[in-house]
Amino acid sequence: MRLCVGLCPALTEDVLSKLHKAGIRNILSFMLKDPELLAMEISVSYKDLQSIRRIIHAHYAAFAVSGDDMLNEAVQRAVVISTGNTNLDTLLGGGLMTGEVMEVCGGWGAGKTSLCVSLAVHAALRLKMNVLYIDPLGSINSLRLAPVIEAFSEKLEIVEHALACIKTVAPADIWGVFQALELARQPYLAVRKKDADCGGGDETSSIVTTVGKIQLVIVDSLPSVLTPLLGGQQKQGWGIINQLAAALKSLASEQQLAIVVVNNVVHTNYNNNVKNQGYNLQTNWKPALGRFWDHVPHVRLFVETETRSSAPQNLENCSLSPSEMNVSILKSTRLKIRKTKISIFPAL
């Protein structure tokens, strides 16, 4: 902001003219100058310069905030989203933490998508939250989500409401993922009723409704859109990974969202006796996106399917049977490295 007459009584036309001759034309350059040296340089009373500085401070300076106040504000803004599974909540210190990026990695058929669907369904059905499900593989839709929701509730209106709260997007490439992430910044999302209706219907006759702000974002899965950019002589892929990492972290922090991303794993030749954080020492697997991605997630989970129950547990007339899987924390900025066993409904 430029200095001007009338900003304060001491800032007269004569004083302003002397400041301009000294090359001081805005508030920033004035405040950076030592008042004693400036008083001697432009022959203006030190008392007048101090008066100008005090008034500028009173009108334009930010209020001082203590570290304790900043910490308390951060704690109050942070929200823990329950996963719907007691063991998993305990493992994660209460659930999914907003402002963080959590990665779920595992081998083919390990249950990564089933876990993500379970998180989305619980958030939409039980917590009444809005979920953005980014699915580059195009395998998640209302027909696949409905059986999981119906396992918990048979009421049609409840099922439709939960489906409407889960916005699915199927981007074709990494640029589509960036575009889909921008939906999480919008205050409201438009959703067609047919998206929440298992029976489909005529799109032209569907009713457009709005849902609230997105609170949970799931990206399933990243290697499908990033791996094609990393092969051969292509070098731009590493830059795109850094760009995506910055976008995910800024989105989680600025919008106070919980973000879950899915990563594959590749086999390593590390010896089981070598302790290397980030690797599963029993099966010699490591995350597929490599060291350039290793710093991105705040929490990294490794999932392995163990057994599948022969009958539903505590559910009547349900066509889905819960499956059991082992979940381990491979990396975390706030949690202990440990593991647990959970039971979820598979996403058919």
Protein backbone atom coordinates (compact mmCIF):
# COMPACT_ATOMS: atom_id res chain seq x y z
CA MET A 1 0.00 0.00 0.00
CA ARG A 2 1.31 3.44 -0.96
CA LEU A 3 1.96 6.19 1.57
CA CYS A 4 -0.44 9.10 1.24
CA VAL A 5 -1.34 12.32 3.03
CA GLY A 6 -4.02 11.79 5.65
CA LEU A 7 -2.86 8.31 6.63
CA CYS A 8 -1.99 9.91 9.97
CA PRO A 9 -1.69 13.53 11.24
CA ALA A 10 2.11 13.45 11.21
CA LEU A 11 2.24 12.40 7.53
CA THR A 12 1.97 15.84 5.93
CA GLU A 13 2.66 16.78 2.31
CA ASP A 14 6.11 18.04 3.31
CA VAL A 15 7.03 14.78 5.09
CA LEU A 16 5.63 12.71 2.22
CA SER A 17 7.68 14.71 -0.29
CA LYS A 18 10.86 14.09 1.70
CA LEU A 19 10.06 10.35 1.90
CA HIS A 20 9.55 10.20 -1.87
CA LYS A 21 12.91 11.90 -2.47
CA ALA A 22 14.50 9.20 -0.29
CA GLY A 23 12.85 6.53 -2.46
CA ILE A 24 10.23 5.54 0.12
CA ARG A 25 6.81 5.38 -1.51
CA ASN A 26 4.95 2.54 0.21
CA ILE A 27 4.30 1.28 3.72
CA LEU A 28 6.59 -1.74 3.41
CA SER A 29 9.69 0.27 2.47
CA PHE A 30 8.91 2.78 5.23
CA MET A 31 8.56 0.11 7.94
CA LEU A 32 11.80 -1.59 6.88
CA LYS A 33 13.81 1.59 7.39
CA ASP A 34 15.46 2.29 10.74
CA PRO A 35 13.58 5.34 12.13
CA GLU A 36 16.69 6.97 13.61
CA LEU A 37 18.67 6.75 10.38
CA LEU A 38 15.64 7.86 8.37
CA ALA A 39 15.11 10.90 10.62
CA MET A 40 18.67 12.07 9.99
CA GLU A 41 18.51 11.27 6.28
CA ILE A 42 15.36 13.25 5.44
CA SER A 43 15.53 15.81 8.29
CA VAL A 44 12.22 14.83 9.85
CA SER A 45 11.53 14.61 13.56
CA TYR A 46 12.16 11.14 15.00
CA LYS A 47 9.03 11.61 17.12
CA ASP A 48 6.90 12.20 13.98
CA LEU A 49 8.30 9.09 12.27
CA GLN A 50 7.57 6.99 15.36
CA SER A 51 4.02 8.36 15.43
CA ILE A 52 3.54 7.31 11.79
CA ARG A 53 4.91 3.83 12.53
CA ARG A 54 2.58 3.34 15.52
CA ILE A 55 -0.51 4.27 13.51
CA ILE A 56 0.53 1.98 10.64
CA HIS A 57 1.03 -0.85 13.15
CA ALA A 58 -2.39 -0.25 14.69
CA HIS A 59 -4.21 -0.26 11.34
CA TYR A 60 -2.35 -2.83 9.24
CA ALA A 61 -0.26 -5.16 11.44
CA ALA A 62 -1.57 -8.66 12.15
CA PHE A 63 -2.51 -9.57 15.68
CA ALA A 64 0.14 -11.51 17.57
CA VAL A 65 -0.75 -15.16 18.12
CA SER A 66 1.01 -17.42 20.61
CA GLY A 67 2.14 -20.93 19.82
CA ASP A 68 -0.38 -22.36 22.31
CA ASP A 69 -3.22 -20.55 20.55
CA MET A 70 -2.10 -21.87 17.16
CA LEU A 71 -1.89 -25.42 18.53
CA ASN A 72 -5.34 -25.20 20.12
CA GLU A 73 -6.83 -23.92 16.87
CA ALA A 74 -5.23 -26.76 14.91
CA VAL A 75 -6.57 -29.34 17.36
CA GLN A 76 -10.07 -27.84 17.22
CA ARG A 77 -10.07 -27.83 13.39
CA ALA A 78 -8.83 -31.41 13.15
CA VAL A 79 -11.55 -34.02 12.80
CA VAL A 80 -11.11 -37.77 13.17
CA ILE A 81 -13.34 -39.78 10.83
CA SER A 82 -14.22 -43.23 12.11
CA THR A 83 -13.55 -46.11 9.71
CA GLY A 84 -16.46 -48.15 11.05
CA ASN A 85 -14.12 -50.89 12.25
CA THR A 86 -13.08 -50.90 15.91
CA ASN A 87 -9.74 -52.62 15.33
CA LEU A 88 -8.82 -50.31 12.46
CA ASP A 89 -9.85 -47.22 14.44
CA THR A 90 -7.61 -48.37 17.29
CA LEU A 91 -4.73 -48.97 14.88
CA LEU A 92 -5.13 -45.47 13.40
CA GLY A 93 -5.48 -43.70 16.71
CA GLY A 94 -9.22 -43.12 16.35
CA GLY A 95 -9.72 -43.19 12.58
CA LEU A 96 -8.84 -41.16 9.49
CA MET A 97 -7.33 -37.80 10.44
CA THR A 98 -8.40 -34.80 8.39
CA GLY A 99 -5.49 -32.87 6.96
CA GLU A 100 -3.58 -36.08 6.29
CA VAL A 101 -2.96 -38.35 3.29
CA MET A 102 -3.21 -42.07 4.07
CA GLU A 103 -1.95 -44.68 1.63
CA VAL A 104 -3.32 -48.22 1.34
CA CYS A 105 -0.94 -50.59 -0.42
CA GLY A 106 -1.01 -54.31 -1.06
CA GLY A 107 -0.76 -56.99 -3.70
CA TRP A 108 -3.32 -57.90 -6.34
CA GLY A 109 -6.55 -59.11 -4.73
CA ALA A 110 -5.39 -58.12 -1.24
CA GLY A 111 -8.58 -56.15 -0.58
CA LYS A 112 -7.43 -52.57 -1.15
CA THR A 113 -10.56 -51.60 -3.09
CA SER A 114 -12.82 -53.43 -0.63
CA LEU A 115 -11.27 -51.47 2.23
CA CYS A 116 -11.77 -48.18 0.34
CA VAL A 117 -15.39 -49.03 -0.45
CA SER A 118 -15.94 -49.90 3.22
CA LEU A 119 -14.53 -46.51 4.26
CA ALA A 120 -16.71 -44.68 1.74
CA VAL A 121 -19.89 -46.56 2.67
CA HIS A 122 -19.42 -46.07 6.41
CA ALA A 123 -18.74 -42.34 5.98
CA ALA A 124 -21.82 -41.88 3.78
CA LEU A 125 -24.22 -44.25 5.56
CA ARG A 126 -23.34 -43.88 9.24
CA LEU A 127 -21.59 -40.51 9.45
CA LYS A 128 -23.72 -38.75 6.80
CA MET A 129 -20.56 -37.41 5.16
CA ASN A 130 -19.98 -36.68 1.49
CA VAL A 131 -17.32 -38.76 -0.24
CA LEU A 132 -15.44 -38.20 -3.51
CA TYR A 133 -14.39 -41.56 -4.94
CA ILE A 134 -11.87 -41.12 -7.79
CA ASP A 135 -11.61 -44.42 -9.66
CA PRO A 136 -9.34 -44.37 -12.75
CA LEU A 137 -10.07 -48.06 -13.33
CA GLY A 138 -13.80 -47.35 -13.62
CA SER A 139 -14.77 -50.34 -11.50
CA ILE A 140 -16.78 -48.54 -8.80
CA ASN A 141 -20.37 -47.49 -9.47
CA SER A 142 -23.77 -47.58 -7.80
CA LEU A 143 -24.31 -51.23 -8.77
CA ARG A 144 -21.16 -52.21 -6.92
CA LEU A 145 -21.76 -49.97 -3.92
CA ALA A 146 -25.43 -50.84 -3.39
CA PRO A 147 -24.93 -54.44 -2.13
CA VAL A 148 -22.44 -53.26 0.49
CA ILE A 149 -24.85 -50.54 1.69
CA GLU A 150 -27.80 -52.94 1.66
CA ALA A 151 -25.82 -55.25 3.94
CA PHE A 152 -26.29 -52.61 6.65
CA SER A 153 -29.71 -51.24 5.72
CA GLU A 154 -32.56 -52.55 3.59
CA LYS A 155 -34.52 -49.29 3.55
CA LEU A 156 -34.57 -47.94 0.00
CA GLU A 157 -34.47 -44.27 0.99
CA ILE A 158 -31.43 -44.83 3.23
CA VAL A 159 -29.62 -46.70 0.48
CA GLU A 160 -30.40 -43.97 -2.06
CA HIS A 161 -29.26 -41.22 0.29
CA ALA A 162 -25.97 -43.02 1.01
CA LEU A 163 -25.37 -43.56 -2.72
CA ALA A 164 -26.04 -39.88 -3.40
CA CYS A 165 -23.41 -38.96 -0.80
CA ILE A 166 -20.73 -40.91 -2.70
CA LYS A 167 -19.66 -39.05 -5.83
CA THR A 168 -17.78 -41.41 -8.18
CA VAL A 169 -15.50 -40.08 -10.92
CA ALA A 170 -13.60 -42.23 -13.45
CA PRO A 171 -10.77 -40.11 -14.94
CA ALA A 172 -8.99 -41.49 -18.00
CA ASP A 173 -5.54 -40.10 -17.13
CA ILE A 174 -3.58 -38.21 -14.51
CA TRP A 175 -4.92 -34.86 -15.75
CA GLY A 176 -8.42 -36.17 -15.12
CA VAL A 177 -7.35 -36.96 -11.56
CA PHE A 178 -6.18 -33.37 -11.06
CA GLN A 179 -9.50 -32.13 -12.43
CA ALA A 180 -11.47 -34.49 -10.18
CA LEU A 181 -9.58 -33.30 -7.09
CA GLU A 182 -10.85 -29.77 -7.74
CA LEU A 183 -14.38 -31.03 -7.00
CA ALA A 184 -13.35 -31.34 -3.36
CA ARG A 185 -12.83 -27.57 -3.20
CA GLN A 186 -16.42 -26.80 -4.20
CA PRO A 187 -18.91 -25.91 -1.44
CA TYR A 188 -21.62 -28.07 -3.10
CA LEU A 189 -21.78 -30.80 -5.71
CA ALA A 190 -24.59 -31.47 -8.18
CA VAL A 191 -25.67 -35.13 -8.19
CA ARG A 192 -28.28 -36.76 -10.40
CA LYS A 193 -30.81 -38.98 -8.73
CA LYS A 194 -29.97 -41.76 -11.18
CA ASP A 195 -26.48 -41.85 -9.64
CA ALA A 196 -28.15 -42.91 -6.39
CA ASP A 197 -30.51 -45.34 -8.05
CA CYS A 198 -29.33 -48.88 -8.69
CA GLY A 199 -31.91 -49.28 -11.41
CA GLY A 200 -30.47 -46.47 -13.55
CA GLY A 201 -33.18 -44.81 -15.61
CA ASP A 202 -33.48 -42.18 -18.28
CA GLU A 203 -30.78 -39.55 -17.72
CA THR A 204 -32.91 -36.80 -19.23
CA SER A 205 -35.65 -37.37 -16.66
CA SER A 206 -33.37 -37.69 -13.63
CA ILE A 207 -33.56 -35.05 -10.91
CA VAL A 208 -30.48 -32.98 -10.13
CA THR A 209 -29.89 -32.45 -6.40
CA THR A 210 -27.01 -31.00 -4.41
CA VAL A 211 -24.91 -32.50 -1.67
CA GLY A 212 -22.72 -30.65 0.82
CA LYS A 213 -18.98 -30.24 0.96
CA ILE A 214 -16.74 -33.25 0.39
CA GLN A 215 -15.12 -34.53 3.61
CA LEU A 216 -13.43 -37.72 2.43
CA VAL A 217 -11.49 -38.23 -0.82
CA ILE A 218 -10.45 -41.68 -2.06
CA VAL A 219 -8.16 -42.20 -5.08
CA ASP A 220 -8.22 -45.84 -6.22
CA SER A 221 -5.71 -46.39 -7.69
CA LEU A 222 -2.73 -44.14 -8.50
CA PRO A 223 -0.37 -46.58 -10.29
CA SER A 224 -2.92 -47.05 -13.08
CA VAL A 225 -2.46 -43.43 -14.18
CA LEU A 226 1.12 -42.78 -13.03
CA THR A 227 2.94 -45.92 -14.19
CA PRO A 228 2.50 -45.17 -17.94
CA LEU A 229 4.35 -41.88 -17.37
CA LEU A 230 7.40 -43.47 -15.72
CA GLY A 231 8.59 -45.99 -18.32
CA GLY A 232 11.30 -45.68 -20.99
CA GLN A 233 12.91 -42.29 -21.56
CA GLN A 234 10.00 -40.35 -20.07
CA LYS A 235 11.25 -37.97 -17.40
CA GLN A 236 8.22 -35.77 -16.91
CA GLY A 237 6.55 -38.46 -14.82
CA TRP A 238 8.64 -37.66 -11.72
CA GLY A 239 7.67 -34.02 -11.97
CA ILE A 240 4.02 -34.97 -12.26
CA ILE A 241 4.35 -37.15 -9.14
CA ASN A 242 5.70 -34.16 -7.21
CA GLN A 243 2.88 -32.01 -8.57
CA LEU A 244 0.29 -34.57 -7.50
CA ALA A 245 1.88 -34.91 -4.06
CA ALA A 246 1.69 -31.14 -3.55
CA ALA A 247 -1.92 -31.07 -4.75
CA LEU A 248 -3.00 -33.85 -2.37
CA LYS A 249 -1.25 -32.38 0.66
CA SER A 250 -2.48 -28.84 0.04
CA LEU A 251 -6.03 -30.09 -0.53
CA ALA A 252 -6.00 -32.11 2.70
CA SER A 253 -4.58 -29.21 4.71
CA GLU A 254 -6.54 -26.30 3.23
CA GLN A 255 -9.92 -28.03 3.04
CA GLN A 256 -9.42 -30.17 6.18
CA LEU A 257 -10.18 -33.39 4.31
CA ALA A 258 -9.14 -36.97 4.91
CA ILE A 259 -7.52 -38.36 1.75
CA VAL A 260 -6.96 -42.06 1.06
CA VAL A 261 -4.89 -43.19 -1.92
CA VAL A 262 -4.28 -46.72 -3.19
CA ASN A 263 -0.85 -47.95 -4.26
CA ASN A 264 0.36 -51.31 -5.53
CA VAL A 265 3.43 -53.15 -4.25
CA VAL A 266 6.43 -54.76 -5.94
CA HIS A 267 8.73 -57.50 -4.73
CA THR A 268 12.15 -56.67 -3.26
CA ASN A 269 15.29 -58.68 -2.67
CA TYR A 270 15.93 -57.25 0.78
CA ASN A 271 16.95 -59.75 3.44
CA ASN A 272 14.40 -60.37 6.16
CA ASN A 273 16.99 -59.54 8.79
CA VAL A 274 17.47 -56.01 7.46
CA LYS A 275 15.20 -53.54 9.17
CA ASN A 276 14.05 -50.98 6.64
CA GLN A 277 11.14 -48.72 7.53
CA GLY A 278 8.51 -48.72 4.80
CA TYR A 279 9.01 -52.38 3.84
CA ASN A 280 7.09 -55.45 4.93
CA LEU A 281 9.88 -57.62 6.34
CA GLN A 282 7.88 -60.84 6.23
CA THR A 283 6.87 -60.79 2.57
CA ASN A 284 9.53 -58.51 1.01
CA TRP A 285 7.05 -56.10 -0.57
CA LYS A 286 7.52 -52.37 -1.04
CA PRO A 287 5.23 -49.61 -2.45
CA ALA A 288 5.26 -49.52 -6.24
CA LEU A 289 5.65 -45.77 -6.83
CA GLY A 290 9.15 -45.76 -5.40
CA ARG A 291 11.29 -43.36 -3.41
CA PHE A 292 9.92 -40.22 -5.06
CA TRP A 293 6.52 -41.01 -3.58
CA ASP A 294 7.73 -42.42 -0.26
CA HIS A 295 7.54 -39.08 1.60
CA VAL A 296 3.99 -38.22 0.51
CA PRO A 297 1.60 -40.23 2.77
CA HIS A 298 1.44 -39.36 6.45
CA VAL A 299 0.29 -42.94 7.14
CA ARG A 300 0.99 -46.00 4.99
CA LEU A 301 -1.00 -49.21 5.50
CA PHE A 302 -0.17 -52.63 4.09
CA VAL A 303 -3.14 -54.99 3.66
CA GLU A 304 -3.19 -58.77 3.15
CA THR A 305 -6.29 -60.92 2.80
CA GLU A 306 -6.24 -63.77 5.29
CA THR A 307 -9.44 -65.84 5.23
CA ARG A 308 -13.05 -65.46 4.25
CA SER A 309 -15.84 -66.36 6.60
CA SER A 310 -18.35 -68.92 5.43
CA ALA A 311 -21.33 -67.03 6.87
CA PRO A 312 -22.27 -63.42 7.57
CA GLN A 313 -21.63 -62.15 11.08
CA ASN A 314 -24.48 -60.40 12.91
CA LEU A 315 -26.36 -59.83 9.64
CA GLU A 316 -29.58 -61.42 8.49
CA ASN A 317 -30.63 -62.11 4.90
CA CYS A 318 -27.33 -60.70 3.61
CA SER A 319 -25.77 -62.01 0.38
CA LEU A 320 -22.31 -60.75 1.32
CA SER A 321 -19.95 -62.54 3.66
CA PRO A 322 -17.30 -60.54 5.51
CA SER A 323 -13.69 -61.31 4.71
CA GLU A 324 -10.78 -60.98 7.10
CA MET A 325 -7.55 -59.16 6.34
CA ASN A 326 -4.38 -58.18 8.15
CA VAL A 327 -3.58 -54.48 8.22
CA SER A 328 -0.11 -53.21 9.16
CA ILE A 329 1.22 -49.69 9.61
CA LEU A 330 4.42 -49.44 7.56
CA LYS A 331 4.95 -45.71 8.05
CA SER A 332 3.42 -42.95 10.14
CA THR A 333 4.32 -39.50 11.41
CA ARG A 334 2.32 -40.03 14.63
CA LEU A 335 1.49 -43.75 15.09
CA LYS A 336 3.39 -46.81 16.24
CA ILE A 337 4.40 -49.43 13.68
CA ARG A 338 2.03 -52.32 14.45
CA LYS A 339 -0.68 -54.51 12.87
CA THR A 340 -4.21 -55.75 13.45
CA LYS A 341 -6.87 -57.96 11.90
CA ILE A 342 -10.13 -56.54 10.54
CA SER A 343 -13.28 -57.94 8.94
CA ILE A 344 -14.96 -56.09 6.06
CA PHE A 345 -17.45 -56.78 3.29
CA PRO A 346 -15.76 -57.29 -0.09
CA ALA A 347 -16.68 -54.99 -2.96
CA LEU A 348 -18.00 -57.42 -5.53
